[in-house]
C-alpha atoms as a PDB file:
ATOM      1  CA  MET A   1    -174.044-197.030 -48.719  1.00  0.00           C
ATOM      2  CA  ASN A   2    -172.271-199.747 -50.958  1.00  0.00           C
ATOM      3  CA  ARG A   3    -169.392-200.788 -48.494  1.00  0.00           C
ATOM      4  CA  THR A   4    -168.647-202.029 -45.310  1.00  0.00           C
ATOM      5  CA  ILE A   5    -168.715-199.450 -42.052  1.00  0.00           C
ATOM      6  CA  LEU A   6    -167.166-200.507 -38.905  1.00  0.00           C
ATOM      7  CA  ILE A   7    -168.220-198.500 -35.958  1.00  0.00           C
ATOM      8  CA  ALA A   8    -166.410-198.285 -32.401  1.00  0.00           C
ATOM      9  CA  ASP A   9    -167.578-196.987 -29.480  1.00  0.00           C
ATOM     10  CA  ALA A  10    -164.081-197.576 -27.102  1.00  0.00           C
ATOM     11  CA  GLY A  11    -164.285-197.216 -23.170  1.00  0.00           C
ATOM     12  CA  SER A  12    -162.215-197.584 -20.282  1.00  0.00           C
ATOM     13  CA  THR A  13    -162.576-201.232 -19.872  1.00  0.00           C
ATOM     14  CA  GLY A  14    -162.967-202.537 -23.797  1.00  0.00           C
ATOM     15  CA  THR A  15    -164.261-201.795 -27.122  1.00  0.00           C
ATOM     16  CA  GLN A  16    -167.366-202.465 -28.537  1.00  0.00           C
ATOM     17  CA  TRP A  17    -167.747-202.517 -32.544  1.00  0.00           C
ATOM     18  CA  CYS A  18    -170.249-203.254 -35.502  1.00  0.00           C
ATOM     19  CA  ALA A  19    -169.378-203.678 -38.802  1.00  0.00           C
ATOM     20  CA  VAL A  20    -172.411-202.558 -41.125  1.00  0.00           C
ATOM     21  CA  SER A  21    -172.603-204.446 -44.811  1.00  0.00           C
ATOM     22  CA  SER A  22    -173.721-202.908 -47.531  1.00  0.00           C
ATOM     23  CA  ASP A  23    -177.329-204.946 -47.306  1.00  0.00           C
ATOM     24  CA  GLY A  24    -177.434-203.794 -43.929  1.00  0.00           C
ATOM     25  CA  THR A  25    -176.087-207.166 -42.072  1.00  0.00           C
ATOM     26  CA  ARG A  26    -174.609-206.138 -38.588  1.00  0.00           C
ATOM     27  CA  ARG A  27    -171.995-207.848 -36.605  1.00  0.00           C
ATOM     28  CA  TYR A  28    -171.373-207.114 -33.833  1.00  0.00           C
ATOM     29  CA  PHE A  29    -168.075-208.066 -31.568  1.00  0.00           C
ATOM     30  CA  SER A  30    -165.789-206.692 -28.876  1.00  0.00           C
ATOM     31  CA  GLY A  31    -161.962-205.883 -28.365  1.00  0.00           C
ATOM     32  CA  GLY A  32    -159.930-204.172 -25.771  1.00  0.00           C
ATOM     33  CA  PRO A  33    -159.776-200.243 -24.110  1.00  0.00           C
ATOM     34  CA  VAL A  34    -158.150-198.276 -26.534  1.00  0.00           C
ATOM     35  CA  ASN A  35    -157.246-194.610 -25.180  1.00  0.00           C
ATOM     36  CA  PRO A  36    -154.237-192.692 -26.258  1.00  0.00           C
ATOM     37  CA  ALA A  37    -153.885-190.697 -23.036  1.00  0.00           C
ATOM     38  CA  VAL A  38    -153.274-194.050 -21.137  1.00  0.00           C
ATOM     39  CA  PHE A  39    -151.516-196.684 -23.616  1.00  0.00           C
ATOM     40  CA  SER A  40    -148.710-196.345 -26.046  1.00  0.00           C
ATOM     41  CA  PRO A  41    -149.215-196.772 -30.228  1.00  0.00           C
ATOM     42  CA  GLU A  42    -147.769-200.187 -29.788  1.00  0.00           C
ATOM     43  CA  THR A  43    -149.997-201.188 -27.594  1.00  0.00           C
ATOM     44  CA  ILE A  44    -153.210-199.590 -28.948  1.00  0.00           C
ATOM     45  CA  GLY A  45    -151.944-201.109 -32.789  1.00  0.00           C
ATOM     46  CA  GLU A  46    -151.877-205.037 -30.991  1.00  0.00           C
ATOM     47  CA  THR A  47    -155.801-203.932 -29.041  1.00  0.00           C
ATOM     48  CA  LEU A  48    -156.861-203.109 -32.552  1.00  0.00           C
ATOM     49  CA  ARG A  49    -155.143-205.762 -34.972  1.00  0.00           C
ATOM     50  CA  ALA A  50    -156.346-208.715 -31.996  1.00  0.00           C
ATOM     51  CA  ALA A  51    -160.247-207.346 -32.508  1.00  0.00           C
ATOM     52  CA  LEU A  52    -160.350-207.134 -36.147  1.00  0.00           C
ATOM     53  CA  SER A  53    -158.652-210.302 -36.619  1.00  0.00           C
ATOM     54  CA  ASP A  54    -161.459-212.670 -37.541  1.00  0.00           C
ATOM     55  CA  VAL A  55    -163.281-209.433 -39.250  1.00  0.00           C
ATOM     56  CA  ASP A  56    -163.006-209.059 -43.543  1.00  0.00           C
ATOM     57  CA  THR A  57    -161.625-205.800 -43.619  1.00  0.00           C
ATOM     58  CA  SER A  58    -161.029-205.634 -47.536  1.00  0.00           C
ATOM     59  CA  GLU A  59    -164.550-204.196 -48.305  1.00  0.00           C
ATOM     60  CA  CYS A  60    -164.470-201.869 -45.474  1.00  0.00           C
ATOM     61  CA  GLY A  61    -165.159-198.104 -47.152  1.00  0.00           C
ATOM     62  CA  CYS A  62    -165.124-196.355 -43.870  1.00  0.00           C
ATOM     63  CA  VAL A  63    -164.632-196.229 -39.996  1.00  0.00           C
ATOM     64  CA  ALA A  64    -166.096-194.023 -37.819  1.00  0.00           C
ATOM     65  CA  PHE A  65    -164.161-194.781 -34.538  1.00  0.00           C
ATOM     66  CA  TYR A  66    -165.422-192.516 -30.824  1.00  0.00           C
ATOM     67  CA  GLY A  67    -163.131-193.313 -27.643  1.00  0.00           C
ATOM     68  CA  ALA A  68    -162.302-192.513 -24.166  1.00  0.00           C
ATOM     69  CA  GLY A  69    -159.033-189.960 -24.759  1.00  0.00           C
ATOM     70  CA  CYS A  70    -159.262-188.843 -28.453  1.00  0.00           C
ATOM     71  CA  ARG A  71    -159.379-185.669 -28.195  1.00  0.00           C
ATOM     72  CA  PRO A  72    -159.024-184.115 -31.676  1.00  0.00           C
ATOM     73  CA  GLY A  73    -155.211-183.386 -32.436  1.00  0.00           C
ATOM     74  CA  LYS A  74    -152.231-185.672 -31.763  1.00  0.00           C
ATOM     75  CA  LEU A  75    -154.345-188.659 -29.145  1.00  0.00           C
ATOM     76  CA  SER A  76    -156.153-189.368 -32.179  1.00  0.00           C
ATOM     77  CA  GLU A  77    -154.231-189.367 -34.981  1.00  0.00           C
ATOM     78  CA  ILE A  78    -152.398-192.094 -32.630  1.00  0.00           C
ATOM     79  CA  VAL A  79    -155.744-193.961 -32.739  1.00  0.00           C
ATOM     80  CA  ALA A  80    -156.284-192.717 -37.081  1.00  0.00           C
ATOM     81  CA  GLU A  81    -152.502-194.281 -37.729  1.00  0.00           C
ATOM     82  CA  GLN A  82    -152.624-197.702 -36.281  1.00  0.00           C
ATOM     83  CA  LEU A  83    -156.244-198.067 -37.966  1.00  0.00           C
ATOM     84  CA  ARG A  84    -154.776-197.151 -41.531  1.00  0.00           C
ATOM     85  CA  GLN A  85    -151.992-199.683 -40.848  1.00  0.00           C
ATOM     86  CA  LEU A  86    -154.835-202.436 -40.657  1.00  0.00           C
ATOM     87  CA  LEU A  87    -157.271-201.005 -43.064  1.00  0.00           C
ATOM     88  CA  PRO A  88    -157.405-200.786 -46.729  1.00  0.00           C
ATOM     89  CA  GLU A  89    -156.270-197.544 -48.701  1.00  0.00           C
ATOM     90  CA  GLY A  90    -159.107-195.056 -49.502  1.00  0.00           C
ATOM     91  CA  CYS A  91    -160.414-196.095 -46.500  1.00  0.00           C
ATOM     92  CA  GLU A  92    -161.745-193.188 -44.941  1.00  0.00           C
ATOM     93  CA  ILE A  93    -160.706-193.363 -40.694  1.00  0.00           C
ATOM     94  CA  ALA A  94    -162.521-190.802 -38.357  1.00  0.00           C
ATOM     95  CA  VAL A  95    -161.396-190.843 -34.583  1.00  0.00           C
ATOM     96  CA  ASN A  96    -163.376-188.973 -32.526  1.00  0.00           C
ATOM     97  CA  SER A  97    -163.994-188.472 -28.843  1.00  0.00           C
ATOM     98  CA  ASP A  98    -166.213-190.663 -26.934  1.00  0.00           C
ATOM     99  CA  MET A  99    -168.474-187.146 -25.674  1.00  0.00           C
ATOM    100  CA  LEU A 100    -168.742-186.560 -29.338  1.00  0.00           C
ATOM    101  CA  GLY A 101    -170.102-190.348 -30.037  1.00  0.00           C
ATOM    102  CA  ALA A 102    -172.589-190.174 -26.858  1.00  0.00           C
ATOM    103  CA  ALA A 103    -174.013-186.724 -28.962  1.00  0.00           C
ATOM    104  CA  ARG A 104    -174.182-187.918 -31.930  1.00  0.00           C
ATOM    105  CA  ALA A 105    -175.750-191.859 -30.393  1.00  0.00           C
ATOM    106  CA  ALA A 106    -178.449-189.670 -28.282  1.00  0.00           C
ATOM    107  CA  CYS A 107    -179.068-186.740 -30.306  1.00  0.00           C
ATOM    108  CA  GLY A 108    -178.849-187.831 -33.570  1.00  0.00           C
ATOM    109  CA  ASN A 109    -178.934-184.510 -36.190  1.00  0.00           C
ATOM    110  CA  SER A 110    -181.118-182.897 -33.873  1.00  0.00           C
ATOM    111  CA  ALA A 111    -179.633-179.804 -31.616  1.00  0.00           C
ATOM    112  CA  GLY A 112    -179.424-180.867 -27.646  1.00  0.00           C
ATOM    113  CA  ILE A 113    -177.438-181.154 -24.525  1.00  0.00           C
ATOM    114  CA  ALA A 114    -175.620-184.299 -24.493  1.00  0.00           C
ATOM    115  CA  CYS A 115    -174.457-185.794 -21.222  1.00  0.00           C
ATOM    116  CA  ILE A 116    -172.623-189.160 -20.143  1.00  0.00           C
ATOM    117  CA  LEU A 117    -173.594-190.125 -16.722  1.00  0.00           C
ATOM    118  CA  GLY A 118    -171.951-193.340 -16.121  1.00  0.00           C
ATOM    119  CA  THR A 119    -168.947-194.099 -13.294  1.00  0.00           C
ATOM    120  CA  GLY A 120    -168.082-190.711 -14.509  1.00  0.00           C
ATOM    121  CA  SER A 121    -169.768-187.550 -16.055  1.00  0.00           C
ATOM    122  CA  ASN A 122    -169.649-185.141 -18.632  1.00  0.00           C
ATOM    123  CA  SER A 123    -171.801-182.982 -21.305  1.00  0.00           C
ATOM    124  CA  CYS A 124    -171.774-180.472 -24.390  1.00  0.00           C
ATOM    125  CA  LEU A 125    -173.816-178.554 -25.879  1.00  0.00           C
ATOM    126  CA  TYR A 126    -174.108-179.949 -29.646  1.00  0.00           C
ATOM    127  CA  ASP A 127    -175.477-178.411 -33.068  1.00  0.00           C
ATOM    128  CA  GLY A 128    -176.723-181.733 -34.663  1.00  0.00           C
ATOM    129  CA  SER A 129    -173.078-182.522 -36.375  1.00  0.00           C
ATOM    130  CA  ALA A 130    -170.236-181.507 -33.717  1.00  0.00           C
ATOM    131  CA  ILE A 131    -169.227-180.074 -30.059  1.00  0.00           C
ATOM    132  CA  ILE A 132    -169.762-176.904 -30.101  1.00  0.00           C
ATOM    133  CA  ASP A 133    -169.125-175.980 -26.756  1.00  0.00           C
ATOM    134  CA  ALA A 134    -168.322-177.880 -23.354  1.00  0.00           C
ATOM    135  CA  VAL A 135    -167.789-177.480 -19.678  1.00  0.00           C
ATOM    136  CA  PRO A 136    -164.977-179.368 -18.640  1.00  0.00           C
ATOM    137  CA  SER A 137    -165.408-182.491 -16.591  1.00  0.00           C
ATOM    138  CA  LEU A 138    -162.631-182.496 -14.598  1.00  0.00           C
ATOM    139  CA  GLY A 139    -162.469-185.999 -13.188  1.00  0.00           C
ATOM    140  CA  TYR A 140    -163.750-187.994 -10.394  1.00  0.00           C
ATOM    141  CA  ILE A 141    -161.786-185.845  -7.556  1.00  0.00           C
ATOM    142  CA  LEU A 142    -162.347-182.506  -8.866  1.00  0.00           C
ATOM    143  CA  GLY A 143    -166.095-182.931 -10.905  1.00  0.00           C
ATOM    144  CA  ASP A 144    -167.923-186.006 -12.174  1.00  0.00           C
ATOM    145  CA  GLU A 145    -170.696-184.157 -10.793  1.00  0.00           C
ATOM    146  CA  GLY A 146    -173.849-186.731 -10.671  1.00  0.00           C
ATOM    147  CA  SER A 147    -171.419-189.760 -11.913  1.00  0.00           C
ATOM    148  CA  GLY A 148    -171.334-193.485 -10.304  1.00  0.00           C
ATOM    149  CA  ALA A 149    -168.268-192.276  -8.809  1.00  0.00           C
ATOM    150  CA  TYR A 150    -169.818-189.374  -7.376  1.00  0.00           C
ATOM    151  CA  LEU A 151    -172.862-190.877  -6.165  1.00  0.00           C
ATOM    152  CA  GLY A 152    -170.892-193.600  -4.228  1.00  0.00           C
ATOM    153  CA  ARG A 153    -168.803-190.672  -3.067  1.00  0.00           C
ATOM    154  CA  LYS A 154    -171.790-188.607  -1.358  1.00  0.00           C
ATOM    155  CA  LEU A 155    -172.946-192.338   0.130  1.00  0.00           C
ATOM    156  CA  ILE A 156    -169.850-193.512   1.816  1.00  0.00           C
ATOM    157  CA  ASN A 157    -169.431-189.771   3.551  1.00  0.00           C
ATOM    158  CA  ALA A 158    -173.154-189.738   4.709  1.00  0.00           C
ATOM    159  CA  ILE A 159    -173.146-193.673   6.194  1.00  0.00           C
ATOM    160  CA  TYR A 160    -170.183-192.884   7.914  1.00  0.00           C
ATOM    161  CA  LYS A 161    -170.872-189.107   9.280  1.00  0.00           C
ATOM    162  CA  ARG A 162    -173.876-190.774  10.583  1.00  0.00           C
ATOM    163  CA  GLN A 163    -176.085-189.071   8.194  1.00  0.00           C
ATOM    164  CA  LEU A 164    -178.174-192.089   7.668  1.00  0.00           C
ATOM    165  CA  SER A 165    -179.638-194.819   9.578  1.00  0.00           C
ATOM    166  CA  LYS A 166    -178.278-197.377  11.353  1.00  0.00           C
ATOM    167  CA  GLU A 167    -180.060-200.400   9.067  1.00  0.00           C
ATOM    168  CA  ILE A 168    -178.715-198.728   6.127  1.00  0.00           C
ATOM    169  CA  CYS A 169    -175.385-198.281   7.230  1.00  0.00           C
ATOM    170  CA  HIS A 170    -174.896-202.128   8.189  1.00  0.00           C
ATOM    171  CA  SER A 171    -176.782-202.937   4.726  1.00  0.00           C
ATOM    172  CA  PHE A 172    -174.048-200.903   3.030  1.00  0.00           C
ATOM    173  CA  GLU A 173    -171.505-202.770   4.878  1.00  0.00           C
ATOM    174  CA  ASP A 174    -173.168-206.360   3.906  1.00  0.00           C
ATOM    175  CA  PHE A 175    -173.842-205.188   0.508  1.00  0.00           C
ATOM    176  CA  THR A 176    -169.484-204.410  -0.160  1.00  0.00           C
ATOM    177  CA  GLY A 177    -168.543-206.752   2.355  1.00  0.00           C
ATOM    178  CA  LEU A 178    -166.203-203.702   4.018  1.00  0.00           C
ATOM    179  CA  ASN A 179    -166.005-201.572   7.017  1.00  0.00           C
ATOM    180  CA  ILE A 180    -164.598-198.420   7.436  1.00  0.00           C
ATOM    181  CA  ASP A 181    -161.173-199.541   7.291  1.00  0.00           C
ATOM    182  CA  GLY A 182    -161.963-201.598   4.404  1.00  0.00           C
ATOM    183  CA  ILE A 183    -163.598-198.890   2.417  1.00  0.00           C
ATOM    184  CA  ILE A 184    -160.664-196.075   3.295  1.00  0.00           C
ATOM    185  CA  GLU A 185    -158.177-198.922   2.230  1.00  0.00           C
ATOM    186  CA  ARG A 186    -159.782-199.491  -1.256  1.00  0.00           C
ATOM    187  CA  VAL A 187    -160.542-195.743  -1.961  1.00  0.00           C
ATOM    188  CA  TYR A 188    -156.848-194.468  -0.891  1.00  0.00           C
ATOM    189  CA  ARG A 189    -154.858-197.369  -1.167  1.00  0.00           C
ATOM    190  CA  GLN A 190    -155.913-199.377  -4.749  1.00  0.00           C
ATOM    191  CA  PRO A 191    -155.817-198.537  -8.233  1.00  0.00           C
ATOM    192  CA  GLN A 192    -159.021-197.590 -10.043  1.00  0.00           C
ATOM    193  CA  PRO A 193    -160.795-195.785  -6.543  1.00  0.00           C
ATOM    194  CA  ASN A 194    -163.617-194.166  -8.771  1.00  0.00           C
ATOM    195  CA  THR A 195    -164.849-197.546 -10.157  1.00  0.00           C
ATOM    196  CA  PHE A 196    -164.810-198.582  -6.510  1.00  0.00           C
ATOM    197  CA  LEU A 197    -166.834-196.012  -5.672  1.00  0.00           C
ATOM    198  CA  ALA A 198    -169.197-196.591  -8.695  1.00  0.00           C
ATOM    199  CA  SER A 199    -169.761-200.003  -8.002  1.00  0.00           C
ATOM    200  CA  CYS A 200    -171.806-198.685  -5.026  1.00  0.00           C
ATOM    201  CA  ALA A 201    -174.042-196.936  -7.064  1.00  0.00           C
ATOM    202  CA  PRO A 202    -176.180-199.569  -7.289  1.00  0.00           C
ATOM    203  CA  PHE A 203    -176.756-200.254  -3.478  1.00  0.00           C
ATOM    204  CA  LEU A 204    -178.313-196.187  -4.082  1.00  0.00           C
ATOM    205  CA  ALA A 205    -180.313-198.224  -6.650  1.00  0.00           C
ATOM    206  CA  GLN A 206    -181.836-200.770  -4.824  1.00  0.00           C
ATOM    207  CA  ASN A 207    -182.704-198.654  -1.939  1.00  0.00           C
ATOM    208  CA  ILE A 208    -184.469-195.191  -3.928  1.00  0.00           C
ATOM    209  CA  ASP A 209    -187.486-195.744  -1.594  1.00  0.00           C
ATOM    210  CA  ASP A 210    -186.023-194.570   1.326  1.00  0.00           C
ATOM    211  CA  ASP A 211    -186.248-190.808   1.547  1.00  0.00           C
ATOM    212  CA  SER A 212    -182.680-190.339   3.157  1.00  0.00           C
ATOM    213  CA  ILE A 213    -181.538-192.160  -0.384  1.00  0.00           C
ATOM    214  CA  ARG A 214    -183.726-190.493  -2.482  1.00  0.00           C
ATOM    215  CA  ALA A 215    -182.309-187.481  -1.378  1.00  0.00           C
ATOM    216  CA  ILE A 216    -178.362-188.298  -2.046  1.00  0.00           C
ATOM    217  CA  VAL A 217    -179.298-189.184  -5.445  1.00  0.00           C
ATOM    218  CA  GLU A 218    -181.375-185.844  -6.360  1.00  0.00           C
ATOM    219  CA  GLU A 219    -178.842-183.496  -4.877  1.00  0.00           C
ATOM    220  CA  ALA A 220    -175.982-185.548  -7.053  1.00  0.00           C
ATOM    221  CA  PHE A 221    -178.260-184.829 -10.068  1.00  0.00           C
ATOM    222  CA  THR A 222    -178.668-181.291  -9.032  1.00  0.00           C
ATOM    223  CA  ASP A 223    -175.265-180.708  -8.875  1.00  0.00           C
ATOM    224  CA  PHE A 224    -174.730-181.842 -12.128  1.00  0.00           C
ATOM    225  CA  ILE A 225    -177.478-179.359 -13.588  1.00  0.00           C
ATOM    226  CA  GLU A 226    -176.196-176.811 -11.314  1.00  0.00           C
ATOM    227  CA  GLN A 227    -172.508-177.006 -12.286  1.00  0.00           C
ATOM    228  CA  ASN A 228    -172.429-178.460 -15.825  1.00  0.00           C
ATOM    229  CA  ILE A 229    -175.952-177.603 -17.848  1.00  0.00           C
ATOM    230  CA  VAL A 230    -176.792-174.253 -16.417  1.00  0.00           C
ATOM    231  CA  ARG A 231    -173.483-173.169 -17.986  1.00  0.00           C
ATOM    232  CA  TYR A 232    -174.327-173.430 -21.385  1.00  0.00           C
ATOM    233  CA  GLU A 233    -175.547-170.430 -23.324  1.00  0.00           C
ATOM    234  CA  ASN A 234    -179.480-170.379 -23.830  1.00  0.00           C
ATOM    235  CA  SER A 235    -179.417-173.747 -21.971  1.00  0.00           C
ATOM    236  CA  HIS A 236    -183.004-173.986 -21.192  1.00  0.00           C
ATOM    237  CA  HIS A 237    -183.716-173.601 -24.746  1.00  0.00           C
ATOM    238  CA  TYR A 238    -182.508-177.285 -25.362  1.00  0.00           C
ATOM    239  CA  PRO A 239    -183.414-180.850 -24.390  1.00  0.00           C
ATOM    240  CA  LEU A 240    -181.108-182.994 -22.087  1.00  0.00           C
ATOM    241  CA  ASN A 241    -179.832-186.481 -23.575  1.00  0.00           C
ATOM    242  CA  PHE A 242    -178.367-188.809 -21.605  1.00  0.00           C
ATOM    243  CA  VAL A 243    -176.038-192.105 -22.171  1.00  0.00           C
ATOM    244  CA  GLY A 244    -174.684-194.005 -19.359  1.00  0.00           C
ATOM    245  CA  SER A 245    -175.528-196.705 -16.764  1.00  0.00           C
ATOM    246  CA  ILE A 246    -176.324-194.016 -14.387  1.00  0.00           C
ATOM    247  CA  ALA A 247    -178.640-191.997 -16.495  1.00  0.00           C
ATOM    248  CA  CYS A 248    -180.752-195.384 -17.332  1.00  0.00           C
ATOM    249  CA  TYR A 249    -181.077-196.783 -13.145  1.00  0.00           C
ATOM    250  CA  PHE A 250    -181.832-193.637 -11.831  1.00  0.00           C
ATOM    251  CA  ASN A 251    -183.830-192.231 -15.143  1.00  0.00           C
ATOM    252  CA  THR A 252    -187.361-191.358 -13.261  1.00  0.00           C
ATOM    253  CA  THR A 253    -185.299-189.200 -10.374  1.00  0.00           C
ATOM    254  CA  LEU A 254    -183.361-187.648 -13.057  1.00  0.00           C
ATOM    255  CA  GLN A 255    -186.267-186.917 -14.926  1.00  0.00           C
ATOM    256  CA  ALA A 256    -187.871-185.345 -11.723  1.00  0.00           C
ATOM    257  CA  VAL A 257    -184.896-183.403 -11.267  1.00  0.00           C
ATOM    258  CA  ALA A 258    -184.254-181.850 -14.679  1.00  0.00           C
ATOM    259  CA  GLU A 259    -187.814-180.896 -14.811  1.00  0.00           C
ATOM    260  CA  LYS A 260    -187.506-178.975 -11.719  1.00  0.00           C
ATOM    261  CA  SER A 261    -184.783-177.153 -12.795  1.00  0.00           C
ATOM    262  CA  GLY A 262    -186.842-176.268 -15.786  1.00  0.00           C
ATOM    263  CA  TYR A 263    -185.341-178.862 -18.594  1.00  0.00           C
ATOM    264  CA  LYS A 264    -186.904-180.842 -21.103  1.00  0.00           C
ATOM    265  CA  THR A 265    -185.335-184.350 -21.284  1.00  0.00           C
ATOM    266  CA  GLY A 266    -185.260-186.345 -24.218  1.00  0.00           C
ATOM    267  CA  ARG A 267    -183.244-189.418 -25.084  1.00  0.00           C
ATOM    268  CA  CYS A 268    -181.812-191.887 -22.657  1.00  0.00           C
ATOM    269  CA  ILE A 269    -179.321-195.029 -23.654  1.00  0.00           C
ATOM    270  CA  LYS A 270    -177.215-197.334 -21.735  1.00  0.00           C
ATOM    271  CA  SER A 271    -174.759-197.476 -24.562  1.00  0.00           C
ATOM    272  CA  PRO A 272    -173.768-195.237 -27.352  1.00  0.00           C
ATOM    273  CA  LEU A 273    -173.496-197.814 -29.803  1.00  0.00           C
ATOM    274  CA  GLU A 274    -176.845-198.987 -31.306  1.00  0.00           C
ATOM    275  CA  GLY A 275    -177.260-194.496 -31.700  1.00  0.00           C
ATOM    276  CA  LEU A 276    -174.326-194.564 -33.500  1.00  0.00           C
ATOM    277  CA  ILE A 277    -175.246-197.003 -36.078  1.00  0.00           C
ATOM    278  CA  GLU A 278    -178.510-195.282 -36.637  1.00  0.00           C
ATOM    279  CA  TYR A 279    -176.483-192.155 -37.133  1.00  0.00           C
ATOM    280  CA  HIS A 280    -173.981-193.629 -39.700  1.00  0.00           C
ATOM    281  CA  THR A 281    -176.043-195.356 -41.918  1.00  0.00           C
ATOM    282  CA  ASN A 282    -179.279-192.969 -41.967  1.00  0.00           C
ATOM    283  CA  ASP A 283    -177.000-190.624 -43.830  1.00  0.00           C
END
């Protein structure tokens, strides 16, 4: 490695960057969200320009950019084109999906099943370099099993369907500062209901020793495995590797559910960036 490498992990709310110089020095910085399925090319260009404004890009030899919405083809090319306008001629630019980023971060150069469990959920079968199969997530309305949004939805349903103790119900309303009318308002009439639902997940973590709460979490992770992981051919031959805040918060429960379903678990990391730095600098 004799030139600077730029590595980026772009999520729904922002982008985490690291510039790795030829001597191994790392410089971390952050920027705004870059999602070509949501933002115009012009907005993406402005966001990237702002993020890189204080970075010396003259010695940049390559960029490894992983992001939400960066599906292969037209969408990833939008981001690549904006990066070309900001970086020196000859700089190698690779724009890939956040799912591939999660797989490379969690699995490295080894084959395995990579899973994202954060606000949303996703998974893929990975051969050590590329994704070879992926069960679609379908988002928080149609899918996202095991995600923060899914956990929040199951919790709220159990509370207002009177499946949990009055003590838990009162504690939850204290936690959110909302009653049933406020919950309905927040979910059905305000933006980003998936983010709100996921914000309820810490309540589950705080009360995980309660049997009824633990059952909700276990059922959510069982749904994730049964509706996603078992669909991969020979899925039990591969370790399950996880990326995301939900996977880390509930790691003990997640491992127990996976093992009960006959799976071995591998790496579990909250954010992909450090794993991606390792992947791209160890070649």
